[in-house]
PDB file of all heavy atoms in Angstrom:
ATOM      1  N   ILE A   1      -9.268   1.662   9.727  1.00  0.00           N
ATOM      2  CA  ILE A   1      -8.171   2.501  10.194  1.00  0.00           C
ATOM      3  C   ILE A   1      -7.472   3.061   8.963  1.00  0.00           C
ATOM      4  O   ILE A   1      -7.099   2.302   8.069  1.00  0.00           O
ATOM      5  CB  ILE A   1      -7.176   1.698  11.048  1.00  0.00           C
ATOM      6  CG1 ILE A   1      -7.864   1.114  12.281  1.00  0.00           C
ATOM      7  CG2 ILE A   1      -6.004   2.559  11.487  1.00  0.00           C
ATOM      8  CD1 ILE A   1      -8.151  -0.326  12.166  1.00  0.00           C
ATOM      9  N   THR A   2      -7.308   4.370   8.918  1.00  0.00           N
ATOM     10  CA  THR A   2      -6.669   5.028   7.791  1.00  0.00           C
ATOM     11  C   THR A   2      -5.554   5.924   8.314  1.00  0.00           C
ATOM     12  O   THR A   2      -5.691   6.535   9.370  1.00  0.00           O
ATOM     13  CB  THR A   2      -7.687   5.897   7.008  1.00  0.00           C
ATOM     14  OG1 THR A   2      -8.818   5.098   6.686  1.00  0.00           O
ATOM     15  CG2 THR A   2      -7.088   6.454   5.738  1.00  0.00           C
ATOM     16  N   ILE A   3      -4.478   6.005   7.553  1.00  0.00           N
ATOM     17  CA  ILE A   3      -3.357   6.869   7.908  1.00  0.00           C
ATOM     18  C   ILE A   3      -3.534   8.226   7.236  1.00  0.00           C
ATOM     19  O   ILE A   3      -3.888   8.302   6.054  1.00  0.00           O
ATOM     20  CB  ILE A   3      -2.018   6.235   7.462  1.00  0.00           C
ATOM     21  CG1 ILE A   3      -1.824   4.876   8.143  1.00  0.00           C
ATOM     22  CG2 ILE A   3      -0.850   7.156   7.725  1.00  0.00           C
ATOM     23  CD1 ILE A   3      -1.790   4.926   9.655  1.00  0.00           C
ATOM     24  N   ASN A   4      -3.295   9.290   7.977  1.00  0.00           N
ATOM     25  CA  ASN A   4      -3.323  10.645   7.439  1.00  0.00           C
ATOM     26  C   ASN A   4      -2.399  10.706   6.221  1.00  0.00           C
ATOM     27  O   ASN A   4      -1.278  10.212   6.260  1.00  0.00           O
ATOM     28  CB  ASN A   4      -2.860  11.610   8.536  1.00  0.00           C
ATOM     29  CG  ASN A   4      -2.849  13.049   8.089  1.00  0.00           C
ATOM     30  OD1 ASN A   4      -2.775  13.369   6.913  1.00  0.00           O
ATOM     31  ND2 ASN A   4      -2.923  13.927   9.059  1.00  0.00           N
ATOM     32  N   PHE A   5      -2.860  11.331   5.160  1.00  0.00           N
ATOM     33  CA  PHE A   5      -2.088  11.403   3.917  1.00  0.00           C
ATOM     34  C   PHE A   5      -0.683  11.971   4.138  1.00  0.00           C
ATOM     35  O   PHE A   5       0.289  11.521   3.553  1.00  0.00           O
ATOM     36  CB  PHE A   5      -2.837  12.240   2.873  1.00  0.00           C
ATOM     37  CG  PHE A   5      -2.090  12.377   1.586  1.00  0.00           C
ATOM     38  CD1 PHE A   5      -2.035  11.325   0.679  1.00  0.00           C
ATOM     39  CD2 PHE A   5      -1.417  13.549   1.278  1.00  0.00           C
ATOM     40  CE1 PHE A   5      -1.336  11.448  -0.506  1.00  0.00           C
ATOM     41  CE2 PHE A   5      -0.711  13.683   0.099  1.00  0.00           C
ATOM     42  CZ  PHE A   5      -0.677  12.622  -0.801  1.00  0.00           C
ATOM     43  N   ASN A   6      -0.548  12.960   5.006  1.00  0.00           N
ATOM     44  CA  ASN A   6       0.756  13.580   5.263  1.00  0.00           C
ATOM     45  C   ASN A   6       1.759  12.631   5.897  1.00  0.00           C
ATOM     46  O   ASN A   6       2.960  12.879   5.851  1.00  0.00           O
ATOM     47  CB  ASN A   6       0.584  14.812   6.160  1.00  0.00           C
ATOM     48  CG  ASN A   6      -0.236  15.892   5.482  1.00  0.00           C
ATOM     49  OD1 ASN A   6      -0.235  16.015   4.273  1.00  0.00           O
ATOM     50  ND2 ASN A   6      -0.963  16.656   6.277  1.00  0.00           N
ATOM     51  N   SER A   7       1.288  11.567   6.506  1.00  0.00           N
ATOM     52  CA  SER A   7       2.171  10.601   7.165  1.00  0.00           C
ATOM     53  C   SER A   7       2.411   9.355   6.328  1.00  0.00           C
ATOM     54  O   SER A   7       3.119   8.452   6.759  1.00  0.00           O
ATOM     55  CB  SER A   7       1.564  10.178   8.503  1.00  0.00           C
ATOM     56  OG  SER A   7       1.338  11.291   9.295  1.00  0.00           O
ATOM     57  N   SER A   8       1.850   9.287   5.153  1.00  0.00           N
ATOM     58  CA  SER A   8       1.923   8.055   4.363  1.00  0.00           C
ATOM     59  C   SER A   8       3.354   7.691   3.958  1.00  0.00           C
ATOM     60  O   SER A   8       3.701   6.512   3.907  1.00  0.00           O
ATOM     61  CB  SER A   8       1.023   8.138   3.130  1.00  0.00           C
ATOM     62  OG  SER A   8       1.407   9.203   2.297  1.00  0.00           O
ATOM     63  N   ARG A   9       4.210   8.673   3.721  1.00  0.00           N
ATOM     64  CA  ARG A   9       5.604   8.350   3.377  1.00  0.00           C
ATOM     65  C   ARG A   9       6.327   7.699   4.537  1.00  0.00           C
ATOM     66  O   ARG A   9       7.088   6.758   4.361  1.00  0.00           O
ATOM     67  CB  ARG A   9       6.366   9.598   2.916  1.00  0.00           C
ATOM     68  CG  ARG A   9       6.045   9.959   1.498  1.00  0.00           C
ATOM     69  CD  ARG A   9       7.029  10.860   0.831  1.00  0.00           C
ATOM     70  NE  ARG A   9       7.757  11.776   1.696  1.00  0.00           N
ATOM     71  CZ  ARG A   9       8.413  12.829   1.272  1.00  0.00           C
ATOM     72  NH1 ARG A   9       8.418  13.099  -0.001  1.00  0.00           N
ATOM     73  NH2 ARG A   9       9.062  13.597   2.101  1.00  0.00           N
ATOM     74  N   LEU A  10       6.088   8.197   5.737  1.00  0.00           N
ATOM     75  CA  LEU A  10       6.685   7.606   6.930  1.00  0.00           C
ATOM     76  C   LEU A  10       6.218   6.159   7.103  1.00  0.00           C
ATOM     77  O   LEU A  10       7.022   5.267   7.379  1.00  0.00           O
ATOM     78  CB  LEU A  10       6.318   8.423   8.166  1.00  0.00           C
ATOM     79  CG  LEU A  10       6.713   7.833   9.518  1.00  0.00           C
ATOM     80  CD1 LEU A  10       8.237   7.783   9.651  1.00  0.00           C
ATOM     81  CD2 LEU A  10       6.100   8.634  10.634  1.00  0.00           C
ATOM     82  N   ILE A  11       4.949   5.922   6.915  1.00  0.00           N
ATOM     83  CA  ILE A  11       4.394   4.572   7.066  1.00  0.00           C
ATOM     84  C   ILE A  11       4.970   3.646   6.000  1.00  0.00           C
ATOM     85  O   ILE A  11       5.311   2.497   6.275  1.00  0.00           O
ATOM     86  CB  ILE A  11       2.857   4.594   7.006  1.00  0.00           C
ATOM     87  CG1 ILE A  11       2.298   5.497   8.087  1.00  0.00           C
ATOM     88  CG2 ILE A  11       2.289   3.192   7.096  1.00  0.00           C
ATOM     89  CD1 ILE A  11       2.684   5.127   9.495  1.00  0.00           C
ATOM     90  N   LYS A  12       5.108   4.148   4.776  1.00  0.00           N
ATOM     91  CA  LYS A  12       5.699   3.321   3.704  1.00  0.00           C
ATOM     92  C   LYS A  12       7.126   2.925   4.059  1.00  0.00           C
ATOM     93  O   LYS A  12       7.543   1.789   3.818  1.00  0.00           O
ATOM     94  CB  LYS A  12       5.661   4.065   2.373  1.00  0.00           C
ATOM     95  CG  LYS A  12       4.279   4.117   1.767  1.00  0.00           C
ATOM     96  CD  LYS A  12       4.261   4.870   0.460  1.00  0.00           C
ATOM     97  CE  LYS A  12       2.838   4.964  -0.048  1.00  0.00           C
ATOM     98  NZ  LYS A  12       2.714   5.706  -1.296  1.00  0.00           N
ATOM     99  N   LYS A  13       7.879   3.833   4.660  1.00  0.00           N
ATOM    100  CA  LYS A  13       9.240   3.496   5.090  1.00  0.00           C
ATOM    101  C   LYS A  13       9.213   2.446   6.194  1.00  0.00           C
ATOM    102  O   LYS A  13      10.029   1.521   6.210  1.00  0.00           O
ATOM    103  CB  LYS A  13       9.983   4.748   5.575  1.00  0.00           C
ATOM    104  CG  LYS A  13      10.413   5.656   4.460  1.00  0.00           C
ATOM    105  CD  LYS A  13      11.165   6.857   4.999  1.00  0.00           C
ATOM    106  CE  LYS A  13      11.526   7.796   3.871  1.00  0.00           C
ATOM    107  NZ  LYS A  13      12.261   8.966   4.345  1.00  0.00           N
ATOM    108  N   ASN A  14       8.281   2.569   7.123  1.00  0.00           N
ATOM    109  CA  ASN A  14       8.142   1.573   8.186  1.00  0.00           C
ATOM    110  C   ASN A  14       7.849   0.196   7.605  1.00  0.00           C
ATOM    111  O   ASN A  14       8.411  -0.808   8.038  1.00  0.00           O
ATOM    112  CB  ASN A  14       7.018   1.961   9.161  1.00  0.00           C
ATOM    113  CG  ASN A  14       7.379   3.136  10.033  1.00  0.00           C
ATOM    114  OD1 ASN A  14       8.547   3.495  10.178  1.00  0.00           O
ATOM    115  ND2 ASN A  14       6.374   3.759  10.613  1.00  0.00           N
ATOM    116  N   ILE A  15       6.988   0.151   6.613  1.00  0.00           N
ATOM    117  CA  ILE A  15       6.622  -1.122   5.989  1.00  0.00           C
ATOM    118  C   ILE A  15       7.815  -1.712   5.248  1.00  0.00           C
ATOM    119  O   ILE A  15       8.077  -2.918   5.331  1.00  0.00           O
ATOM    120  CB  ILE A  15       5.418  -0.934   5.037  1.00  0.00           C
ATOM    121  CG1 ILE A  15       4.172  -0.567   5.856  1.00  0.00           C
ATOM    122  CG2 ILE A  15       5.167  -2.188   4.212  1.00  0.00           C
ATOM    123  CD1 ILE A  15       3.018  -0.058   5.035  1.00  0.00           C
ATOM    124  N   GLU A  16       8.557  -0.870   4.537  1.00  0.00           N
ATOM    125  CA  GLU A  16       9.735  -1.357   3.804  1.00  0.00           C
ATOM    126  C   GLU A  16      10.801  -1.916   4.743  1.00  0.00           C
ATOM    127  O   GLU A  16      11.469  -2.887   4.419  1.00  0.00           O
ATOM    128  CB  GLU A  16      10.333  -0.225   2.964  1.00  0.00           C
ATOM    129  CG  GLU A  16       9.486   0.158   1.773  1.00  0.00           C
ATOM    130  CD  GLU A  16       9.978   1.427   1.089  1.00  0.00           C
ATOM    131  OE1 GLU A  16      11.027   1.982   1.493  1.00  0.00           O
ATOM    132  OE2 GLU A  16       9.302   1.870   0.142  1.00  0.00           O
ATOM    133  N   ARG A  17      10.955  -1.311   5.911  1.00  0.00           N
ATOM    134  CA  ARG A  17      11.960  -1.764   6.884  1.00  0.00           C
ATOM    135  C   ARG A  17      11.505  -2.972   7.695  1.00  0.00           C
ATOM    136  O   ARG A  17      12.318  -3.610   8.344  1.00  0.00           O
ATOM    137  CB  ARG A  17      12.290  -0.646   7.863  1.00  0.00           C
ATOM    138  CG  ARG A  17      13.056   0.475   7.255  1.00  0.00           C
ATOM    139  CD  ARG A  17      13.430   1.480   8.343  1.00  0.00           C
ATOM    140  NE  ARG A  17      13.555   2.790   7.750  1.00  0.00           N
ATOM    141  CZ  ARG A  17      13.142   3.917   8.277  1.00  0.00           C
ATOM    142  NH1 ARG A  17      12.556   3.925   9.456  1.00  0.00           N
ATOM    143  NH2 ARG A  17      13.304   5.052   7.663  1.00  0.00           N
ATOM    144  N   ALA A  18      10.221  -3.236   7.687  1.00  0.00           N
ATOM    145  CA  ALA A  18       9.668  -4.295   8.538  1.00  0.00           C
ATOM    146  C   ALA A  18      10.186  -5.661   8.108  1.00  0.00           C
ATOM    147  O   ALA A  18      10.419  -5.931   6.931  1.00  0.00           O
ATOM    148  CB  ALA A  18       8.143  -4.279   8.465  1.00  0.00           C
ATOM    149  N   LYS A  19      10.349  -6.495   9.089  1.00  0.00           N
ATOM    150  CA  LYS A  19      10.729  -7.874   8.817  1.00  0.00           C
ATOM    151  C   LYS A  19       9.514  -8.616   8.282  1.00  0.00           C
ATOM    152  O   LYS A  19       8.381  -8.324   8.656  1.00  0.00           O
ATOM    153  CB  LYS A  19      11.222  -8.541  10.094  1.00  0.00           C
ATOM    154  CG  LYS A  19      12.475  -7.892  10.640  1.00  0.00           C
ATOM    155  CD  LYS A  19      12.877  -8.525  11.941  1.00  0.00           C
ATOM    156  CE  LYS A  19      14.097  -7.798  12.492  1.00  0.00           C
ATOM    157  NZ  LYS A  19      14.438  -8.235  13.837  1.00  0.00           N
ATOM    158  N   ILE A  20       9.766  -9.563   7.415  1.00  0.00           N
ATOM    159  CA  ILE A  20       8.668 -10.326   6.826  1.00  0.00           C
ATOM    160  C   ILE A  20       7.964 -11.172   7.892  1.00  0.00           C
ATOM    161  O   ILE A  20       6.758 -11.317   7.877  1.00  0.00           O
ATOM    162  CB  ILE A  20       9.186 -11.214   5.675  1.00  0.00           C
ATOM    163  CG1 ILE A  20       9.680 -10.320   4.546  1.00  0.00           C
ATOM    164  CG2 ILE A  20       8.116 -12.159   5.189  1.00  0.00           C
ATOM    165  CD1 ILE A  20      10.385 -11.060   3.442  1.00  0.00           C
ATOM    166  N   TRP A  21       8.742 -11.705   8.802  1.00  0.00           N
ATOM    167  CA  TRP A  21       8.166 -12.545   9.841  1.00  0.00           C
ATOM    168  C   TRP A  21       8.078 -11.775  11.133  1.00  0.00           C
ATOM    169  O   TRP A  21       9.006 -11.051  11.442  1.00  0.00           O
ATOM    170  CB  TRP A  21       9.030 -13.795  10.037  1.00  0.00           C
ATOM    171  CG  TRP A  21       8.355 -14.815  10.882  1.00  0.00           C
ATOM    172  CD1 TRP A  21       8.593 -15.039  12.199  1.00  0.00           C
ATOM    173  CD2 TRP A  21       7.344 -15.710  10.494  1.00  0.00           C
ATOM    174  NE1 TRP A  21       7.778 -16.032  12.649  1.00  0.00           N
ATOM    175  CE2 TRP A  21       6.999 -16.469  11.615  1.00  0.00           C
ATOM    176  CE3 TRP A  21       6.670 -15.946   9.294  1.00  0.00           C
ATOM    177  CZ2 TRP A  21       6.030 -17.451  11.578  1.00  0.00           C
ATOM    178  CZ3 TRP A  21       5.706 -16.924   9.263  1.00  0.00           C
ATOM    179  CH2 TRP A  21       5.405 -17.658  10.400  1.00  0.00           C
ATOM    180  N   PRO A  22       7.075 -11.831  11.899  1.00  0.00           N
ATOM    181  CA  PRO A  22       5.854 -12.605  11.707  1.00  0.00           C
ATOM    182  C   PRO A  22       4.911 -11.921  10.717  1.00  0.00           C
ATOM    183  O   PRO A  22       4.871 -10.704  10.630  1.00  0.00           O
ATOM    184  CB  PRO A  22       5.232 -12.672  13.089  1.00  0.00           C
ATOM    185  CG  PRO A  22       5.715 -11.446  13.779  1.00  0.00           C
ATOM    186  CD  PRO A  22       7.085 -11.152  13.203  1.00  0.00           C
ATOM    187  N   ILE A  23       4.188 -12.734  10.017  1.00  0.00           N
ATOM    188  CA  ILE A  23       3.194 -12.253   9.058  1.00  0.00           C
ATOM    189  C   ILE A  23       2.041 -11.625   9.844  1.00  0.00           C
ATOM    190  O   ILE A  23       1.666 -12.126  10.893  1.00  0.00           O
ATOM    191  CB  ILE A  23       2.694 -13.427   8.191  1.00  0.00           C
ATOM    192  CG1 ILE A  23       3.865 -13.991   7.381  1.00  0.00           C
ATOM    193  CG2 ILE A  23       1.548 -13.006   7.285  1.00  0.00           C
ATOM    194  CD1 ILE A  23       3.555 -15.284   6.673  1.00  0.00           C
ATOM    195  N   PRO A  24       1.482 -10.521   9.348  1.00  0.00           N
ATOM    196  CA  PRO A  24       0.345  -9.916  10.061  1.00  0.00           C
ATOM    197  C   PRO A  24      -0.786 -10.934  10.245  1.00  0.00           C
ATOM    198  O   PRO A  24      -1.009 -11.795   9.399  1.00  0.00           O
ATOM    199  CB  PRO A  24      -0.095  -8.779   9.138  1.00  0.00           C
ATOM    200  CG  PRO A  24       1.137  -8.420   8.385  1.00  0.00           C
ATOM    201  CD  PRO A  24       1.865  -9.724   8.187  1.00  0.00           C
ATOM    202  N   PRO A  25      -1.505 -10.848  11.357  1.00  0.00           N
ATOM    203  CA  PRO A  25      -2.578 -11.803  11.645  1.00  0.00           C
ATOM    204  C   PRO A  25      -3.700 -11.758  10.617  1.00  0.00           C
ATOM    205  O   PRO A  25      -3.953 -10.723   9.992  1.00  0.00           O
ATOM    206  CB  PRO A  25      -3.085 -11.379  13.015  1.00  0.00           C
ATOM    207  CG  PRO A  25      -2.285 -10.220  13.448  1.00  0.00           C
ATOM    208  CD  PRO A  25      -1.321  -9.859  12.403  1.00  0.00           C
ATOM    209  N   LYS A  26      -4.384 -12.877  10.480  1.00  0.00           N
ATOM    210  CA  LYS A  26      -5.450 -13.005   9.474  1.00  0.00           C
ATOM    211  C   LYS A  26      -6.678 -12.159   9.782  1.00  0.00           C
ATOM    212  O   LYS A  26      -7.470 -11.894   8.885  1.00  0.00           O
ATOM    213  CB  LYS A  26      -5.861 -14.468   9.342  1.00  0.00           C
ATOM    214  CG  LYS A  26      -4.787 -15.322   8.734  1.00  0.00           C
ATOM    215  CD  LYS A  26      -5.237 -16.751   8.592  1.00  0.00           C
ATOM    216  CE  LYS A  26      -4.114 -17.577   7.974  1.00  0.00           C
ATOM    217  NZ  LYS A  26      -4.512 -18.973   7.794  1.00  0.00           N
ATOM    218  N   TYR A  27      -6.860 -11.745  11.028  1.00  0.00           N
ATOM    219  CA  TYR A  27      -8.039 -10.941  11.350  1.00  0.00           C
ATOM    220  C   TYR A  27      -7.868  -9.478  10.929  1.00  0.00           C
ATOM    221  O   TYR A  27      -8.791  -8.689  11.057  1.00  0.00           O
ATOM    222  CB  TYR A  27      -8.394 -11.033  12.839  1.00  0.00           C
ATOM    223  CG  TYR A  27      -7.295 -10.609  13.769  1.00  0.00           C
ATOM    224  CD1 TYR A  27      -7.108  -9.281  14.093  1.00  0.00           C
ATOM    225  CD2 TYR A  27      -6.432 -11.547  14.313  1.00  0.00           C
ATOM    226  CE1 TYR A  27      -6.094  -8.880  14.940  1.00  0.00           C
ATOM    227  CE2 TYR A  27      -5.412 -11.161  15.167  1.00  0.00           C
ATOM    228  CZ  TYR A  27      -5.254  -9.835  15.478  1.00  0.00           C
ATOM    229  OH  TYR A  27      -4.245  -9.450  16.311  1.00  0.00           O
ATOM    230  N   LEU A  28      -6.691  -9.115  10.402  1.00  0.00           N
ATOM    231  CA  LEU A  28      -6.469  -7.767   9.875  1.00  0.00           C
ATOM    232  C   LEU A  28      -6.503  -7.814   8.357  1.00  0.00           C
ATOM    233  O   LEU A  28      -5.752  -8.554   7.734  1.00  0.00           O
ATOM    234  CB  LEU A  28      -5.118  -7.220  10.337  1.00  0.00           C
ATOM    235  CG  LEU A  28      -4.931  -7.013  11.826  1.00  0.00           C
ATOM    236  CD1 LEU A  28      -3.524  -6.502  12.101  1.00  0.00           C
ATOM    237  CD2 LEU A  28      -5.968  -6.069  12.382  1.00  0.00           C
ATOM    238  N   ILE A  29      -7.359  -7.011   7.773  1.00  0.00           N
ATOM    239  CA  ILE A  29      -7.438  -6.898   6.320  1.00  0.00           C
ATOM    240  C   ILE A  29      -6.692  -5.609   5.981  1.00  0.00           C
ATOM    241  O   ILE A  29      -7.158  -4.511   6.289  1.00  0.00           O
ATOM    242  CB  ILE A  29      -8.898  -6.850   5.848  1.00  0.00           C
ATOM    243  CG1 ILE A  29      -9.636  -8.102   6.352  1.00  0.00           C
ATOM    244  CG2 ILE A  29      -8.980  -6.720   4.341  1.00  0.00           C
ATOM    245  CD1 ILE A  29     -11.124  -7.951   6.416  1.00  0.00           C
ATOM    246  N   ILE A  30      -5.511  -5.770   5.370  1.00  0.00           N
ATOM    247  CA  ILE A  30      -4.601  -4.644   5.178  1.00  0.00           C
ATOM    248  C   ILE A  30      -4.461  -4.325   3.698  1.00  0.00           C
ATOM    249  O   ILE A  30      -4.202  -5.209   2.890  1.00  0.00           O
ATOM    250  CB  ILE A  30      -3.214  -4.970   5.770  1.00  0.00           C
ATOM    251  CG1 ILE A  30      -3.351  -5.401   7.229  1.00  0.00           C
ATOM    252  CG2 ILE A  30      -2.283  -3.774   5.626  1.00  0.00           C
ATOM    253  CD1 ILE A  30      -2.104  -6.048   7.791  1.00  0.00           C
ATOM    254  N   ASN A  31      -4.616  -3.049   3.359  1.00  0.00           N
ATOM    255  CA  ASN A  31      -4.351  -2.579   2.013  1.00  0.00           C
ATOM    256  C   ASN A  31      -3.163  -1.623   2.116  1.00  0.00           C
ATOM    257  O   ASN A  31      -3.326  -0.477   2.543  1.00  0.00           O
ATOM    258  CB  ASN A  31      -5.577  -1.880   1.426  1.00  0.00           C
ATOM    259  CG  ASN A  31      -5.372  -1.518  -0.027  1.00  0.00           C
ATOM    260  OD1 ASN A  31      -4.256  -1.276  -0.479  1.00  0.00           O
ATOM    261  ND2 ASN A  31      -6.469  -1.479  -0.774  1.00  0.00           N
ATOM    262  N   TYR A  32      -1.991  -2.117   1.759  1.00  0.00           N
ATOM    263  CA  TYR A  32      -0.786  -1.301   1.883  1.00  0.00           C
ATOM    264  C   TYR A  32      -0.744  -0.171   0.854  1.00  0.00           C
ATOM    265  O   TYR A  32      -0.060   0.814   1.055  1.00  0.00           O
ATOM    266  CB  TYR A  32       0.457  -2.185   1.755  1.00  0.00           C
ATOM    267  CG  TYR A  32       0.641  -3.103   2.943  1.00  0.00           C
ATOM    268  CD1 TYR A  32       0.373  -4.457   2.850  1.00  0.00           C
ATOM    269  CD2 TYR A  32       1.078  -2.601   4.165  1.00  0.00           C
ATOM    270  CE1 TYR A  32       0.538  -5.297   3.943  1.00  0.00           C
ATOM    271  CE2 TYR A  32       1.244  -3.419   5.260  1.00  0.00           C
ATOM    272  CZ  TYR A  32       0.971  -4.767   5.143  1.00  0.00           C
ATOM    273  OH  TYR A  32       1.127  -5.587   6.229  1.00  0.00           O
ATOM    274  N   ARG A  33      -1.468  -0.290  -0.216  1.00  0.00           N
ATOM    275  CA  ARG A  33      -1.490   0.758  -1.233  1.00  0.00           C
ATOM    276  C   ARG A  33      -2.267   1.983  -0.747  1.00  0.00           C
ATOM    277  O   ARG A  33      -1.836   3.109  -0.933  1.00  0.00           O
ATOM    278  CB  ARG A  33      -2.099   0.226  -2.532  1.00  0.00           C
ATOM    279  CG  ARG A  33      -1.998   1.232  -3.678  1.00  0.00           C
ATOM    280  CD  ARG A  33      -2.510   0.691  -4.990  1.00  0.00           C
ATOM    281  NE  ARG A  33      -1.841  -0.564  -5.317  1.00  0.00           N
ATOM    282  CZ  ARG A  33      -2.405  -1.576  -5.979  1.00  0.00           C
ATOM    283  NH1 ARG A  33      -3.638  -1.471  -6.386  1.00  0.00           N
ATOM    284  NH2 ARG A  33      -1.742  -2.658  -6.244  1.00  0.00           N
ATOM    285  N   THR A  34      -3.426   1.753  -0.120  1.00  0.00           N
ATOM    286  CA  THR A  34      -4.254   2.864   0.346  1.00  0.00           C
ATOM    287  C   THR A  34      -4.001   3.208   1.816  1.00  0.00           C
ATOM    288  O   THR A  34      -4.628   4.119   2.346  1.00  0.00           O
ATOM    289  CB  THR A  34      -5.752   2.540   0.171  1.00  0.00           C
ATOM    290  OG1 THR A  34      -6.061   1.392   0.974  1.00  0.00           O
ATOM    291  CG2 THR A  34      -6.095   2.305  -1.281  1.00  0.00           C
TER     292      THR A  34
END
């Protein structure tokens, strides 16, 4: 799953606002940089 480049700033803001808990599940391999 990849986010459209034009929406990456919005997604970065969502990630910054997200609560630390609950931690994302282990079955998801997430690269927040890409």
